[in-house]
Amino acid sequence: MSLGHRYVLTPIISTTILRTQSDDRLVALARDGHERAFEALVERYRKPLLRHVRRILPEARAEDAIQQAFLNAWSALQRDVAVREPRAWLYRVAHNAALNA
């Protein structure tokens, strides 16, 4: 029996499983709207990106820049921006956010 509609459900993916995925896989999932996949990227890169941004900005402003960087990254993924090397891309997004802060 067909309902005439195709329903696509977003699967619930365990955060434990997500932590084991490659950056490329997490970016692909985040691009498809999987917030937990993006959260796994944030968890993986927040501290190293914050260290990088602290070289440019004082502590309080660095925290704000990192938040803005992750917001910018999420927005870019939702716009289907091409990301070849996720780690380098996230560092560039964070660096740009720091310069704009």
N, C-alpha and C. Protein backbone atom coordinates (compact mmCIF):
# COMPACT_ATOMS: atom_id res chain seq x y z
N MET A 1 0.84 -1.18 0.00
CA MET A 1 0.00 0.00 0.00
C MET A 1 0.88 1.24 0.00
N SER A 2 0.64 2.14 -0.91
CA SER A 2 1.43 3.36 -1.02
C SER A 2 0.63 4.54 -0.52
N LEU A 3 1.27 5.39 0.22
CA LEU A 3 0.62 6.60 0.71
C LEU A 3 0.77 7.75 -0.26
N GLY A 4 1.53 7.54 -1.32
CA GLY A 4 1.73 8.59 -2.30
C GLY A 4 2.80 9.60 -1.91
N HIS A 5 3.38 9.43 -0.76
CA HIS A 5 4.45 10.32 -0.29
C HIS A 5 5.64 9.48 0.10
N ARG A 6 6.77 10.04 -0.06
CA ARG A 6 7.97 9.39 0.41
C ARG A 6 8.43 10.14 1.65
N TYR A 7 8.49 9.44 2.75
CA TYR A 7 8.91 10.05 4.00
C TYR A 7 10.35 9.66 4.28
N VAL A 8 11.16 10.64 4.56
CA VAL A 8 12.54 10.39 4.89
C VAL A 8 12.72 10.75 6.35
N LEU A 9 13.12 9.78 7.11
CA LEU A 9 13.34 10.01 8.53
C LEU A 9 14.84 10.13 8.78
N THR A 10 15.20 11.06 9.61
CA THR A 10 16.60 11.20 9.99
C THR A 10 16.92 10.14 11.02
N PRO A 11 17.87 9.26 10.71
CA PRO A 11 18.18 8.23 11.68
C PRO A 11 18.86 8.82 12.91
N ILE A 12 18.59 8.21 14.03
CA ILE A 12 19.27 8.61 15.26
C ILE A 12 20.59 7.86 15.30
N ILE A 13 21.65 8.59 15.36
CA ILE A 13 22.97 8.00 15.34
C ILE A 13 23.60 8.22 16.71
N SER A 14 24.10 7.16 17.28
CA SER A 14 24.73 7.22 18.59
C SER A 14 25.94 8.14 18.57
N THR A 15 26.07 8.96 19.61
CA THR A 15 27.24 9.83 19.69
C THR A 15 28.52 9.01 19.86
N THR A 16 28.41 7.85 20.44
CA THR A 16 29.58 6.97 20.56
C THR A 16 30.05 6.53 19.18
N ILE A 17 29.13 6.16 18.33
CA ILE A 17 29.48 5.76 16.96
C ILE A 17 30.01 6.96 16.18
N LEU A 18 29.40 8.11 16.37
CA LEU A 18 29.84 9.30 15.64
C LEU A 18 31.28 9.67 15.97
N ARG A 19 31.68 9.47 17.20
CA ARG A 19 33.06 9.81 17.60
C ARG A 19 34.09 8.99 16.83
N THR A 20 33.68 7.85 16.31
CA THR A 20 34.62 6.98 15.59
C THR A 20 34.67 7.28 14.09
N GLN A 21 33.81 8.15 13.62
CA GLN A 21 33.72 8.44 12.19
C GLN A 21 34.80 9.42 11.75
N SER A 22 35.14 9.34 10.48
CA SER A 22 36.13 10.27 9.92
C SER A 22 35.53 11.67 9.83
N ASP A 23 36.41 12.64 9.72
CA ASP A 23 35.95 14.03 9.54
C ASP A 23 35.08 14.15 8.29
N ASP A 24 35.52 13.50 7.21
CA ASP A 24 34.75 13.56 5.96
C ASP A 24 33.34 13.03 6.15
N ARG A 25 33.21 11.92 6.86
CA ARG A 25 31.89 11.33 7.09
C ARG A 25 31.03 12.26 7.95
N LEU A 26 31.62 12.83 8.98
CA LEU A 26 30.87 13.75 9.85
C LEU A 26 30.40 14.97 9.07
N VAL A 27 31.25 15.50 8.21
CA VAL A 27 30.86 16.64 7.38
C VAL A 27 29.71 16.25 6.46
N ALA A 28 29.79 15.10 5.85
CA ALA A 28 28.72 14.64 4.95
C ALA A 28 27.40 14.49 5.71
N LEU A 29 27.47 13.93 6.89
CA LEU A 29 26.25 13.78 7.70
C LEU A 29 25.71 15.14 8.14
N ALA A 30 26.60 16.03 8.57
CA ALA A 30 26.17 17.37 8.99
C ALA A 30 25.54 18.11 7.82
N ARG A 31 26.11 17.96 6.64
CA ARG A 31 25.56 18.61 5.45
C ARG A 31 24.12 18.14 5.21
N ASP A 32 23.85 16.88 5.55
CA ASP A 32 22.51 16.33 5.40
C ASP A 32 21.59 16.69 6.56
N GLY A 33 22.10 17.53 7.49
CA GLY A 33 21.27 18.01 8.58
C GLY A 33 21.37 17.24 9.88
N HIS A 34 22.33 16.34 9.98
CA HIS A 34 22.50 15.57 11.22
C HIS A 34 23.24 16.43 12.24
N GLU A 35 22.50 16.99 13.16
CA GLU A 35 23.10 17.88 14.15
C GLU A 35 24.10 17.16 15.04
N ARG A 36 23.83 15.91 15.38
CA ARG A 36 24.76 15.18 16.24
C ARG A 36 26.11 14.97 15.56
N ALA A 37 26.11 14.80 14.27
CA ALA A 37 27.37 14.66 13.54
C ALA A 37 28.17 15.96 13.65
N PHE A 38 27.48 17.07 13.53
CA PHE A 38 28.17 18.36 13.68
C PHE A 38 28.66 18.54 15.11
N GLU A 39 27.86 18.11 16.07
CA GLU A 39 28.28 18.17 17.47
C GLU A 39 29.55 17.35 17.69
N ALA A 40 29.67 16.22 17.00
CA ALA A 40 30.88 15.41 17.11
C ALA A 40 32.09 16.17 16.55
N LEU A 41 31.90 16.90 15.46
CA LEU A 41 32.98 17.74 14.93
C LEU A 41 33.36 18.84 15.93
N VAL A 42 32.35 19.46 16.52
CA VAL A 42 32.60 20.51 17.51
C VAL A 42 33.40 19.92 18.68
N GLU A 43 32.97 18.78 19.16
CA GLU A 43 33.66 18.14 20.28
C GLU A 43 35.11 17.81 19.91
N ARG A 44 35.33 17.35 18.71
CA ARG A 44 36.66 16.96 18.25
C ARG A 44 37.58 18.17 18.07
N TYR A 45 37.06 19.29 17.60
CA TYR A 45 37.92 20.42 17.22
C TYR A 45 37.83 21.65 18.11
N ARG A 46 36.92 21.70 19.05
CA ARG A 46 36.74 22.91 19.84
C ARG A 46 38.03 23.34 20.54
N LYS A 47 38.65 22.43 21.27
CA LYS A 47 39.85 22.79 22.03
C LYS A 47 41.02 23.20 21.13
N PRO A 48 41.35 22.41 20.10
CA PRO A 48 42.48 22.86 19.26
C PRO A 48 42.19 24.17 18.53
N LEU A 49 40.95 24.37 18.10
CA LEU A 49 40.62 25.63 17.43
C LEU A 49 40.69 26.80 18.40
N LEU A 50 40.26 26.57 19.63
CA LEU A 50 40.34 27.62 20.64
C LEU A 50 41.80 27.99 20.91
N ARG A 51 42.68 26.99 20.99
CA ARG A 51 44.12 27.30 21.17
C ARG A 51 44.63 28.15 20.01
N HIS A 52 44.21 27.80 18.80
CA HIS A 52 44.64 28.56 17.63
C HIS A 52 44.14 30.01 17.69
N VAL A 53 42.89 30.18 18.02
CA VAL A 53 42.29 31.52 18.04
C VAL A 53 42.85 32.36 19.19
N ARG A 54 43.24 31.71 20.28
CA ARG A 54 43.85 32.45 21.41
C ARG A 54 45.17 33.10 21.02
N ARG A 55 45.80 32.64 19.97
CA ARG A 55 47.03 33.29 19.49
C ARG A 55 46.73 34.62 18.82
N ILE A 56 45.47 34.80 18.46
CA ILE A 56 45.06 36.01 17.75
C ILE A 56 44.29 36.96 18.66
N LEU A 57 43.48 36.39 19.56
CA LEU A 57 42.58 37.19 20.40
C LEU A 57 42.75 36.87 21.88
N PRO A 58 42.36 37.81 22.75
CA PRO A 58 42.32 37.52 24.19
C PRO A 58 41.28 36.43 24.48
N GLU A 59 41.41 35.81 25.64
CA GLU A 59 40.56 34.69 26.04
C GLU A 59 39.07 34.90 25.82
N ALA A 60 38.51 35.96 26.37
CA ALA A 60 37.06 36.18 26.28
C ALA A 60 36.61 36.34 24.82
N ARG A 61 37.37 37.04 24.05
CA ARG A 61 37.00 37.23 22.64
C ARG A 61 37.23 35.96 21.83
N ALA A 62 38.19 35.15 22.24
CA ALA A 62 38.46 33.89 21.55
C ALA A 62 37.26 32.95 21.67
N GLU A 63 36.67 32.89 22.85
CA GLU A 63 35.48 32.05 23.05
C GLU A 63 34.35 32.47 22.12
N ASP A 64 34.13 33.78 22.02
CA ASP A 64 33.08 34.29 21.14
C ASP A 64 33.39 33.97 19.67
N ALA A 65 34.65 34.09 19.30
CA ALA A 65 35.04 33.82 17.92
C ALA A 65 34.83 32.35 17.57
N ILE A 66 35.12 31.46 18.51
CA ILE A 66 34.92 30.03 18.26
C ILE A 66 33.43 29.73 18.09
N GLN A 67 32.62 30.32 18.92
CA GLN A 67 31.16 30.12 18.77
C GLN A 67 30.70 30.61 17.39
N GLN A 68 31.19 31.76 16.99
CA GLN A 68 30.83 32.30 15.68
C GLN A 68 31.36 31.41 14.56
N ALA A 69 32.56 30.88 14.74
CA ALA A 69 33.15 30.00 13.72
C ALA A 69 32.30 28.76 13.52
N PHE A 70 31.86 28.14 14.59
CA PHE A 70 31.04 26.94 14.45
C PHE A 70 29.67 27.26 13.86
N LEU A 71 29.13 28.41 14.21
CA LEU A 71 27.87 28.84 13.59
C LEU A 71 28.08 29.05 12.09
N ASN A 72 29.17 29.68 11.72
CA ASN A 72 29.48 29.90 10.30
C ASN A 72 29.68 28.57 9.57
N ALA A 73 30.36 27.64 10.23
CA ALA A 73 30.60 26.33 9.61
C ALA A 73 29.29 25.59 9.39
N TRP A 74 28.42 25.57 10.39
CA TRP A 74 27.12 24.90 10.26
C TRP A 74 26.32 25.53 9.12
N SER A 75 26.29 26.86 9.08
CA SER A 75 25.54 27.56 8.02
C SER A 75 26.11 27.23 6.65
N ALA A 76 27.42 27.18 6.54
CA ALA A 76 28.05 26.85 5.26
C ALA A 76 27.69 25.44 4.81
N LEU A 77 27.70 24.50 5.74
CA LEU A 77 27.35 23.12 5.39
C LEU A 77 25.89 23.03 4.94
N GLN A 78 25.03 23.79 5.55
CA GLN A 78 23.62 23.77 5.17
C GLN A 78 23.41 24.40 3.79
N ARG A 79 24.35 25.27 3.39
CA ARG A 79 24.30 25.86 2.04
C ARG A 79 25.04 24.98 1.03
N ASP A 80 25.53 23.83 1.49
CA ASP A 80 26.21 22.85 0.64
C ASP A 80 27.55 23.35 0.10
N VAL A 81 28.27 24.10 0.92
CA VAL A 81 29.61 24.55 0.55
C VAL A 81 30.52 23.32 0.46
N ALA A 82 31.34 23.30 -0.56
CA ALA A 82 32.26 22.17 -0.75
C ALA A 82 33.36 22.22 0.31
N VAL A 83 33.61 21.08 0.92
CA VAL A 83 34.65 20.96 1.94
C VAL A 83 35.53 19.78 1.56
N ARG A 84 36.75 20.07 1.16
CA ARG A 84 37.66 18.98 0.75
C ARG A 84 38.40 18.40 1.94
N GLU A 85 38.94 19.27 2.76
CA GLU A 85 39.70 18.83 3.94
C GLU A 85 39.07 19.47 5.17
N PRO A 86 38.21 18.73 5.88
CA PRO A 86 37.45 19.31 6.99
C PRO A 86 38.31 20.00 8.06
N ARG A 87 39.42 19.38 8.43
CA ARG A 87 40.25 19.97 9.48
C ARG A 87 40.78 21.33 9.04
N ALA A 88 41.36 21.40 7.86
CA ALA A 88 41.91 22.66 7.35
C ALA A 88 40.80 23.68 7.17
N TRP A 89 39.65 23.23 6.70
CA TRP A 89 38.51 24.13 6.48
C TRP A 89 38.05 24.74 7.81
N LEU A 90 37.93 23.91 8.85
CA LEU A 90 37.50 24.42 10.15
C LEU A 90 38.51 25.42 10.72
N TYR A 91 39.80 25.14 10.52
CA TYR A 91 40.81 26.09 10.98
C TYR A 91 40.69 27.42 10.23
N ARG A 92 40.40 27.36 8.94
CA ARG A 92 40.25 28.60 8.16
C ARG A 92 39.01 29.36 8.63
N VAL A 93 37.91 28.66 8.86
CA VAL A 93 36.69 29.31 9.34
C VAL A 93 36.95 29.96 10.70
N ALA A 94 37.64 29.25 11.59
CA ALA A 94 37.94 29.81 12.92
C ALA A 94 38.90 31.01 12.81
N HIS A 95 39.89 30.89 11.96
CA HIS A 95 40.84 31.98 11.77
C HIS A 95 40.12 33.22 11.25
N ASN A 96 39.26 33.04 10.28
CA ASN A 96 38.49 34.17 9.73
C ASN A 96 37.59 34.79 10.79
N ALA A 97 36.95 33.94 11.60
CA ALA A 97 36.08 34.46 12.67
C ALA A 97 36.91 35.28 13.66
N ALA A 98 38.12 34.82 13.95
CA ALA A 98 38.99 35.57 14.87
C ALA A 98 39.39 36.92 14.28
N LEU A 99 39.72 36.92 13.01
CA LEU A 99 40.10 38.19 12.36
C LEU A 99 38.93 39.16 12.30
N ASN A 100 37.72 38.63 12.14
CA ASN A 100 36.54 39.48 12.09
C ASN A 100 36.06 39.95 13.45
N ALA A 101 36.55 39.31 14.51
CA ALA A 101 36.08 39.65 15.88
C ALA A 101 36.64 40.99 16.35
